[in-house]
Amino acid sequence: METAELKELIEKIKAEIKENMDYMKDPTDEEIEELIETSVFNHSKERYLKISEKQSIIESVFNSMRRLDILQPLLEDESITEIMINGPRDIFIERGGKSQRLEQQFTDEKKLEDVIQSIVAKVNRVVNEASPIVDARLQNGARINAVLPPVALNGPILTIRKFPENPITIQQLVEMGSLTEEAAIFLQRMVEARYNVFISGGTGSGKTTFLNVLSNFIPRDERIITIEDSAELQIKGVENLVKLETRTANVEGKNGIPMRELIKTALRMRPDRIIVGEVRGTEAIDMLQAMNTGHDGSLSTGHANSTKDMLSRLETMVLSGTPLPLEAIRQQIASGIDIIVHLARIRDKSRRVMEITEVVDFQKGKIRLNPLFEFEEIGEDVQKRVIGSLKRSENQLSNTLKLKLAGIKLDSSERD
């Protein structure tokens, strides 16, 4: 059957089912699915339908009426990592690091907005004309961002970032070429020895994934508190785990719980380590103070284009929320953060660790950095994939006290 004919038949069956539902009181999913199957069976007497076409029609009608319409199969497809909907007609997905446009379309803007409302209602969020932007997460952990008109000019916009059911491991990152075995072992030692590690990178560089990988090196007997805008971390095997999530203000601008407040609350909960999903604003000062007041081994991420840019952005974040002099802020950063891992999504769309740098100290008005690993590009293969890897610099780790206190040797899996 031609695509146009199939669409026409689906709309016809939808109309029939809606008419039948008018005579039913609170029909269950099973009853609706039975109605759809009966309708499809009756139509197959009039025109030949393949088994695959029947299944496709039943799923399409049911998803439209009871689930998330054409979005449902995209959410269920584990190979898709990102869904980008720019109005009802323009739908893009990312699969295997590459973006592609889909033929599927929503019926109209109202249907797409209904799907968005259905999603945000399930996670106790609100989005409307008065408050047209919302960030939330689905029950499966996927992160969503929705923007409605009048802010969005080409119709409702929905972006969904999906995360694998089984978190990526450090070994998988090594196999994918994101970093080397040597760098992986180094970072594992840093986390085990309670160094404060900060992950920087641009949009889509894999900061959250990498944070999740490092968090799974934390000893299982420690008390961990995670603080996120939208809970995405998948920490496995830790019993003493507290997960906190910010809350946006209501329509009146009240009852919001920002990250800064959650960090202060976390400090009263006797944490061994605090993991802050991403710092974006004034909460940076609270995170740094936590790192400087006995909460070693804390992890966090931030948006930046380089290691030095991340330091500048942290200074700006802190300045926006406190009148501290710049030198005092830089002292806080140098004392709080031990290691910065910078990630990037390079031109062949692969995600790589570009640099692992030690934050040494603060001297003569500047934060001193000690690059330990740096990405070295060799060239490209015939398929335009970048050839290169993370190379160990000649510099040695300066601050080794935490390693010694933890009884960990940097160049061996042996313990003292």
Protein backbone atom coordinates (compact mmCIF):
# COMPACT_ATOMS: atom_id res chain seq x y z
CA MET A 1 0.00 0.00 0.00
CA GLU A 2 1.25 3.49 -0.89
CA THR A 3 2.24 5.82 1.96
CA ALA A 4 -0.56 8.29 1.16
CA GLU A 5 -3.17 5.50 1.16
CA LEU A 6 -1.81 4.16 4.45
CA LYS A 7 -2.06 7.59 6.08
CA GLU A 8 -5.61 7.99 4.79
CA LEU A 9 -6.62 4.59 6.19
CA ILE A 10 -5.03 5.37 9.58
CA GLU A 11 -6.98 8.64 9.85
CA LYS A 12 -10.19 6.82 8.86
CA ILE A 13 -9.67 4.17 11.55
CA LYS A 14 -8.86 6.85 14.14
CA ALA A 15 -12.19 8.56 13.38
CA GLU A 16 -14.05 5.25 13.73
CA ILE A 17 -12.43 4.43 17.06
CA LYS A 18 -13.13 7.92 18.47
CA GLU A 19 -16.78 7.55 17.48
CA ASN A 20 -17.02 4.14 19.19
CA MET A 21 -15.29 5.50 22.30
CA ASP A 22 -18.04 8.10 22.70
CA TYR A 23 -20.34 5.25 23.74
CA MET A 24 -17.87 3.76 26.22
CA LYS A 25 -17.19 4.78 29.81
CA ASP A 26 -13.46 5.05 30.63
CA PRO A 27 -12.27 2.40 28.15
CA THR A 28 -9.08 0.55 29.10
CA ASP A 29 -6.03 0.25 26.85
CA GLU A 30 -6.96 -3.37 26.15
CA GLU A 31 -10.49 -2.41 25.05
CA ILE A 32 -9.19 0.32 22.74
CA GLU A 33 -6.60 -2.00 21.24
CA GLU A 34 -9.33 -4.57 20.61
CA LEU A 35 -11.45 -1.93 18.86
CA ILE A 36 -8.51 -0.97 16.65
CA GLU A 37 -7.73 -4.60 15.76
CA THR A 38 -11.38 -5.24 14.84
CA SER A 39 -11.48 -2.12 12.67
CA VAL A 40 -8.24 -3.06 10.89
CA PHE A 41 -9.53 -6.62 10.32
CA ASN A 42 -12.76 -5.24 8.79
CA HIS A 43 -10.85 -2.91 6.46
CA SER A 44 -8.58 -5.76 5.38
CA LYS A 45 -11.67 -7.47 3.91
CA GLU A 46 -12.12 -4.51 1.58
CA ARG A 47 -8.47 -4.16 0.56
CA TYR A 48 -5.50 -6.46 0.97
CA LEU A 49 -3.21 -5.60 3.86
CA LYS A 50 0.07 -7.32 4.63
CA ILE A 51 0.61 -8.55 8.18
CA SER A 52 3.33 -5.91 8.64
CA GLU A 53 0.91 -3.19 7.44
CA LYS A 54 -1.78 -4.36 9.87
CA GLN A 55 0.69 -4.26 12.76
CA SER A 56 1.92 -0.82 11.70
CA ILE A 57 -1.63 0.57 11.52
CA ILE A 58 -2.60 -0.88 14.92
CA GLU A 59 0.52 0.54 16.58
CA SER A 60 0.15 3.93 14.89
CA VAL A 61 -3.52 4.35 15.87
CA PHE A 62 -2.98 3.11 19.42
CA ASN A 63 0.10 5.34 19.93
CA SER A 64 -1.85 8.31 18.62
CA MET A 65 -4.81 7.75 20.91
CA ARG A 66 -3.28 6.37 24.06
CA ARG A 67 0.45 7.06 24.02
CA LEU A 68 2.82 9.60 22.45
CA ASP A 69 1.82 9.26 18.79
CA ILE A 70 4.75 9.01 16.32
CA LEU A 71 7.14 9.85 19.16
CA GLN A 72 6.49 6.50 20.90
CA PRO A 73 8.47 4.20 18.56
CA LEU A 74 11.34 6.73 18.51
CA LEU A 75 11.55 6.59 22.31
CA GLU A 76 11.52 2.80 22.23
CA ASP A 77 14.29 2.59 19.62
CA GLU A 78 17.47 2.10 21.67
CA SER A 79 19.73 3.05 18.74
CA ILE A 80 18.39 6.63 18.76
CA THR A 81 20.24 8.92 21.16
CA GLU A 82 18.58 12.27 20.38
CA ILE A 83 15.15 13.31 19.07
CA MET A 84 14.76 16.86 17.73
CA ILE A 85 11.27 18.05 16.78
CA ASN A 86 11.12 21.50 15.18
CA GLY A 87 7.37 21.91 14.84
CA PRO A 88 4.97 19.21 13.60
CA ARG A 89 6.59 18.75 10.17
CA ASP A 90 10.33 18.71 10.88
CA ILE A 91 11.58 15.73 12.89
CA PHE A 92 15.24 14.81 13.20
CA ILE A 93 17.02 12.06 15.12
CA GLU A 94 20.61 11.28 16.01
CA ARG A 95 21.77 7.71 15.60
CA GLY A 96 25.38 6.59 15.85
CA GLY A 97 26.52 10.19 16.19
CA LYS A 98 24.88 11.22 12.89
CA SER A 99 21.78 13.34 12.43
CA GLN A 100 19.04 12.45 9.93
CA ARG A 101 15.60 13.74 9.01
CA LEU A 102 12.54 11.49 9.29
CA GLU A 103 9.53 11.32 6.99
CA GLN A 104 7.08 11.04 9.89
CA GLN A 105 5.06 14.10 10.80
CA PHE A 106 2.53 15.06 13.45
CA THR A 107 -1.00 15.77 12.23
CA ASP A 108 -0.78 19.41 13.28
CA GLU A 109 0.63 21.75 15.94
CA LYS A 110 -2.18 20.90 18.37
CA LYS A 111 -1.32 17.19 18.29
CA LEU A 112 2.35 17.92 18.96
CA GLU A 113 1.46 20.29 21.80
CA ASP A 114 -0.87 17.63 23.28
CA VAL A 115 2.04 15.16 23.27
CA ILE A 116 4.28 17.72 25.01
CA GLN A 117 1.59 18.42 27.62
CA SER A 118 1.18 14.69 28.22
CA ILE A 119 4.93 14.31 28.82
CA VAL A 120 5.35 17.26 31.20
CA ALA A 121 2.16 16.45 33.15
CA LYS A 122 3.57 13.02 34.04
CA VAL A 123 6.64 14.61 35.67
CA ASN A 124 4.70 17.36 37.49
CA ARG A 125 5.95 20.19 35.29
CA VAL A 126 3.94 22.94 33.61
CA VAL A 127 4.40 24.52 30.18
CA ASN A 128 2.00 27.03 28.64
CA GLU A 129 1.88 30.41 26.92
CA ALA A 130 2.69 32.21 30.18
CA SER A 131 5.59 29.84 30.94
CA PRO A 132 6.59 28.50 27.49
CA ILE A 133 9.90 26.78 28.37
CA VAL A 134 10.32 23.61 30.40
CA ASP A 135 13.14 21.19 31.24
CA ALA A 136 12.21 17.79 32.63
CA ARG A 137 12.95 14.10 32.38
CA LEU A 138 10.96 11.06 31.42
CA GLN A 139 10.52 8.00 33.63
CA ASN A 140 13.18 6.16 31.62
CA GLY A 141 15.71 8.90 32.45
CA ALA A 142 15.59 10.70 29.09
CA ARG A 143 16.06 14.48 29.32
CA ILE A 144 13.53 16.72 27.60
CA ASN A 145 13.35 20.39 26.72
CA ALA A 146 10.16 21.90 25.31
CA VAL A 147 9.53 25.40 23.98
CA LEU A 148 6.07 26.58 22.94
CA PRO A 149 4.86 29.56 20.88
CA PRO A 150 5.05 32.54 21.05
CA VAL A 151 8.72 31.97 21.98
CA ALA A 152 9.07 29.21 19.36
CA LEU A 153 8.24 30.73 15.97
CA ASN A 154 7.93 27.52 13.93
CA GLY A 155 5.56 25.68 16.27
CA PRO A 156 6.15 23.64 19.44
CA ILE A 157 9.77 22.53 19.79
CA LEU A 158 10.70 19.32 21.62
CA THR A 159 14.21 17.99 22.18
CA ILE A 160 14.78 14.65 23.88
CA ARG A 161 18.19 13.29 24.85
CA LYS A 162 18.09 9.58 25.62
CA PHE A 163 20.51 7.64 27.78
CA PRO A 164 21.33 3.93 27.49
CA GLU A 165 19.59 1.60 29.94
CA ASN A 166 22.98 0.15 30.84
CA PRO A 167 25.46 2.98 31.52
CA ILE A 168 28.56 3.16 29.35
CA THR A 169 31.71 1.90 31.09
CA ILE A 170 35.22 3.33 30.96
CA GLN A 171 36.32 0.27 29.00
CA GLN A 172 33.73 1.01 26.30
CA LEU A 173 35.01 4.58 26.06
CA VAL A 174 38.53 3.21 25.60
CA GLU A 175 37.30 0.84 22.88
CA MET A 176 35.53 3.73 21.13
CA GLY A 177 38.74 5.75 21.17
CA SER A 178 37.44 8.47 23.47
CA LEU A 179 40.48 8.08 25.70
CA THR A 180 43.41 5.71 26.23
CA GLU A 181 43.78 2.87 28.70
CA GLU A 182 46.52 4.84 30.49
CA ALA A 183 44.28 7.89 30.89
CA ALA A 184 41.40 5.71 32.08
CA ILE A 185 43.53 4.15 34.81
CA PHE A 186 44.81 7.60 35.81
CA LEU A 187 41.27 8.97 36.21
CA GLN A 188 40.18 5.89 38.14
CA ARG A 189 43.05 6.50 40.59
CA MET A 190 42.05 10.17 40.91
CA VAL A 191 38.46 9.30 41.84
CA GLU A 192 39.48 6.53 44.23
CA ALA A 193 41.97 8.87 45.95
CA ARG A 194 39.25 11.54 46.39
CA TYR A 195 40.60 14.19 44.01
CA ASN A 196 37.98 16.79 43.06
CA VAL A 197 37.39 16.30 39.34
CA PHE A 198 35.65 18.82 37.09
CA ILE A 199 34.51 17.86 33.57
CA SER A 200 34.22 20.61 30.96
CA GLY A 201 33.03 20.53 27.37
CA GLY A 202 30.69 21.96 24.78
CA THR A 203 27.10 20.96 24.05
CA GLY A 204 26.81 17.27 23.15
CA SER A 205 30.42 16.51 24.07
CA GLY A 206 29.40 13.75 26.50
CA LYS A 207 29.89 15.50 29.87
CA THR A 208 27.02 13.72 31.62
CA THR A 209 28.04 10.33 30.22
CA PHE A 210 31.63 10.87 31.36
CA LEU A 211 30.52 12.07 34.79
CA ASN A 212 28.48 8.90 35.12
CA VAL A 213 31.49 6.77 34.15
CA LEU A 214 33.73 8.42 36.75
CA SER A 215 31.07 8.27 39.47
CA ASN A 216 31.06 4.50 39.21
CA PHE A 217 34.67 4.41 40.47
CA ILE A 218 33.54 5.73 43.85
CA PRO A 219 33.87 3.05 46.57
CA ARG A 220 30.53 1.35 47.23
CA ASP A 221 30.57 1.98 50.99
CA GLU A 222 30.49 5.78 50.69
CA ARG A 223 27.50 8.10 51.02
CA ILE A 224 26.91 9.94 47.75
CA ILE A 225 24.56 12.85 47.14
CA THR A 226 23.78 13.81 43.55
CA ILE A 227 22.34 17.21 42.66
CA GLU A 228 20.92 17.81 39.17
CA ASP A 229 18.54 20.02 37.25
CA SER A 230 17.05 16.91 35.64
CA ALA A 231 18.16 13.60 37.14
CA GLU A 232 20.25 11.74 34.55
CA LEU A 233 23.05 10.02 36.44
CA GLN A 234 22.91 6.23 36.61
CA ILE A 235 25.06 5.29 39.58
CA LYS A 236 24.98 1.54 40.15
CA GLY A 237 25.84 -0.55 43.18
CA VAL A 238 25.80 2.23 45.79
CA GLU A 239 23.38 1.63 48.64
CA ASN A 240 23.84 4.93 50.49
CA LEU A 241 22.76 7.17 47.60
CA VAL A 242 20.66 10.34 47.80
CA LYS A 243 19.37 11.90 44.56
CA LEU A 244 18.24 15.52 44.62
CA GLU A 245 16.62 17.41 41.75
CA THR A 246 15.87 21.12 41.39
CA ARG A 247 12.30 22.36 41.09
CA THR A 248 11.24 25.21 38.85
CA ALA A 249 9.09 28.02 40.22
CA ASN A 250 5.34 27.88 39.68
CA VAL A 251 3.33 30.29 37.52
CA GLU A 252 3.46 32.90 40.30
CA GLY A 253 7.24 32.58 40.43
CA LYS A 254 7.16 30.85 43.83
CA ASN A 255 8.16 27.51 45.37
CA GLY A 256 11.18 27.00 43.13
CA ILE A 257 14.11 25.09 44.62
CA PRO A 258 17.38 26.07 42.88
CA MET A 259 20.59 24.07 42.77
CA ARG A 260 22.27 26.46 45.20
CA GLU A 261 19.75 25.60 47.91
CA LEU A 262 20.16 21.87 47.25
CA ILE A 263 23.95 22.09 47.61
CA LYS A 264 23.54 23.83 50.98
CA THR A 265 21.05 21.16 52.04
CA ALA A 266 23.37 18.37 50.89
CA LEU A 267 26.14 19.67 53.17
CA ARG A 268 23.87 18.97 56.16
CA MET A 269 23.24 15.38 55.06
CA ARG A 270 26.70 14.03 56.00
CA PRO A 271 27.87 13.25 52.48
CA ASP A 272 31.17 11.56 51.68
CA ARG A 273 30.98 13.01 48.19
CA ILE A 274 28.76 15.46 46.35
CA ILE A 275 28.13 15.13 42.62
CA VAL A 276 26.72 18.25 40.94
CA GLY A 277 25.34 17.45 37.49
CA GLU A 278 26.21 20.79 35.91
CA VAL A 279 27.02 24.21 37.34
CA ARG A 280 25.59 27.11 35.36
CA GLY A 281 25.34 30.03 37.76
CA THR A 282 25.70 31.26 41.32
CA GLU A 283 25.71 27.71 42.70
CA ALA A 284 29.37 27.52 41.58
CA ILE A 285 30.49 29.27 44.79
CA ASP A 286 28.63 26.75 46.96
CA MET A 287 30.13 23.85 45.02
CA LEU A 288 33.66 25.27 45.42
CA GLN A 289 33.13 25.87 49.13
CA ALA A 290 31.94 22.27 49.52
CA MET A 291 35.11 21.07 47.78
CA ASN A 292 37.17 23.28 50.09
CA THR A 293 35.51 22.16 53.34
CA GLY A 294 36.24 18.47 53.62
CA HIS A 295 34.12 17.04 50.81
CA ASP A 296 37.01 15.71 48.76
CA GLY A 297 36.26 13.48 45.81
CA SER A 298 33.41 15.63 44.55
CA LEU A 299 32.55 15.64 40.83
CA SER A 300 30.85 18.18 38.60
CA THR A 301 30.57 19.44 35.02
CA GLY A 302 30.40 22.77 33.25
CA HIS A 303 29.93 24.13 29.75
CA ALA A 304 33.10 25.54 28.15
CA ASN A 305 35.21 25.37 25.00
CA SER A 306 38.56 24.74 26.72
CA THR A 307 40.11 24.21 30.13
CA LYS A 308 41.09 27.87 30.47
CA ASP A 309 37.65 28.95 29.28
CA MET A 310 36.13 26.79 32.02
CA LEU A 311 38.15 28.59 34.68
CA SER A 312 37.01 31.97 33.30
CA ARG A 313 33.40 30.83 33.26
CA LEU A 314 33.63 29.61 36.86
CA GLU A 315 34.99 33.04 37.87
CA THR A 316 32.04 34.72 36.12
CA MET A 317 29.53 32.35 37.77
CA VAL A 318 30.91 33.05 41.23
CA LEU A 319 31.06 36.82 40.62
CA SER A 320 27.38 36.82 39.63
CA GLY A 321 26.41 35.62 43.08
CA THR A 322 28.97 37.08 45.50
CA PRO A 323 30.96 40.32 45.89
CA LEU A 324 34.23 38.45 46.53
CA PRO A 325 37.36 39.96 44.93
CA LEU A 326 38.66 38.15 41.85
CA GLU A 327 41.82 36.97 43.60
CA ALA A 328 39.77 35.33 46.35
CA ILE A 329 37.61 33.58 43.75
CA ARG A 330 40.64 32.27 41.90
CA GLN A 331 42.06 31.04 45.20
CA GLN A 332 38.80 29.16 45.85
CA ILE A 333 38.92 27.55 42.39
CA ALA A 334 42.59 26.57 42.69
CA SER A 335 42.05 25.11 46.16
CA GLY A 336 38.80 23.33 45.34
CA ILE A 337 39.38 21.72 41.93
CA ASP A 338 42.22 19.23 41.51
CA ILE A 339 41.70 17.88 37.99
CA ILE A 340 39.89 19.24 34.92
CA VAL A 341 38.92 16.82 32.13
CA HIS A 342 38.02 18.63 28.91
CA LEU A 343 35.83 16.86 26.32
CA ALA A 344 34.90 17.84 22.77
CA ARG A 345 32.84 16.59 19.88
CA ILE A 346 35.26 16.92 17.00
CA ARG A 347 34.56 17.38 13.29
CA ASP A 348 33.94 13.66 12.54
CA LYS A 349 31.21 13.78 15.24
CA SER A 350 33.15 11.52 17.62
CA ARG A 351 33.47 12.47 21.28
CA ARG A 352 37.01 12.63 22.61
CA VAL A 353 38.83 13.58 25.79
CA MET A 354 40.95 16.50 24.60
CA GLU A 355 42.86 17.27 27.77
CA ILE A 356 43.37 16.16 31.36
CA THR A 357 44.90 18.97 33.37
CA GLU A 358 45.93 19.34 36.99
CA VAL A 359 44.99 22.58 38.77
CA VAL A 360 48.21 23.13 40.70
CA ASP A 361 47.75 26.28 42.79
CA PHE A 362 47.26 30.04 42.76
CA GLN A 363 50.34 32.21 42.38
CA LYS A 364 50.93 35.84 41.38
CA GLY A 365 47.26 36.43 40.59
CA LYS A 366 46.93 33.41 38.29
CA ILE A 367 45.75 29.82 38.53
CA ARG A 368 48.61 27.51 37.54
CA LEU A 369 47.74 24.54 35.32
CA ASN A 370 49.73 21.39 34.69
CA PRO A 371 48.64 19.56 31.47
CA LEU A 372 49.01 15.80 32.01
CA PHE A 373 47.32 14.38 28.89
CA GLU A 374 46.63 16.14 25.58
CA PHE A 375 44.88 14.96 22.41
CA GLU A 376 47.25 14.65 19.48
CA GLU A 377 45.77 14.46 15.98
CA ILE A 378 47.68 12.57 13.29
CA GLY A 379 45.33 12.99 10.33
CA GLU A 380 42.21 11.47 8.76
CA ASP A 381 41.37 8.10 7.23
CA VAL A 382 39.62 7.64 3.87
CA GLN A 383 36.23 8.02 5.56
CA LYS A 384 37.25 11.40 7.03
CA ARG A 385 37.44 10.00 10.56
CA VAL A 386 40.00 11.74 12.73
CA ILE A 387 43.04 9.66 13.63
CA GLY A 388 44.63 10.58 16.94
CA SER A 389 44.73 9.79 20.61
CA LEU A 390 45.34 11.19 24.08
CA LYS A 391 49.07 11.44 24.76
CA ARG A 392 50.75 11.58 28.18
CA SER A 393 52.78 14.74 28.60
CA GLU A 394 56.19 14.79 30.27
CA ASN A 395 54.68 16.64 33.23
CA GLN A 396 54.20 14.72 36.46
CA LEU A 397 51.32 15.10 38.89
CA SER A 398 52.33 17.79 41.39
CA ASN A 399 49.85 17.24 44.21
CA THR A 400 50.28 13.62 45.28
CA LEU A 401 49.21 13.94 48.92
CA LYS A 402 45.73 12.49 48.38
CA LEU A 403 47.20 9.49 46.59
CA LYS A 404 49.54 8.85 49.50
CA LEU A 405 46.75 9.25 52.07
CA ALA A 406 44.62 6.75 50.14
CA GLY A 407 47.53 4.33 49.79
CA ILE A 408 47.24 4.34 46.00
CA LYS A 409 50.10 4.14 43.53
CA LEU A 410 49.56 6.09 40.34
CA ASP A 411 51.60 3.85 38.06
CA SER A 412 50.28 0.52 39.30
CA SER A 413 47.16 -1.22 40.44
CA GLU A 414 49.09 -2.18 43.57
CA ARG A 415 48.24 -0.49 46.85
CA ASP A 416 50.79 0.41 49.52
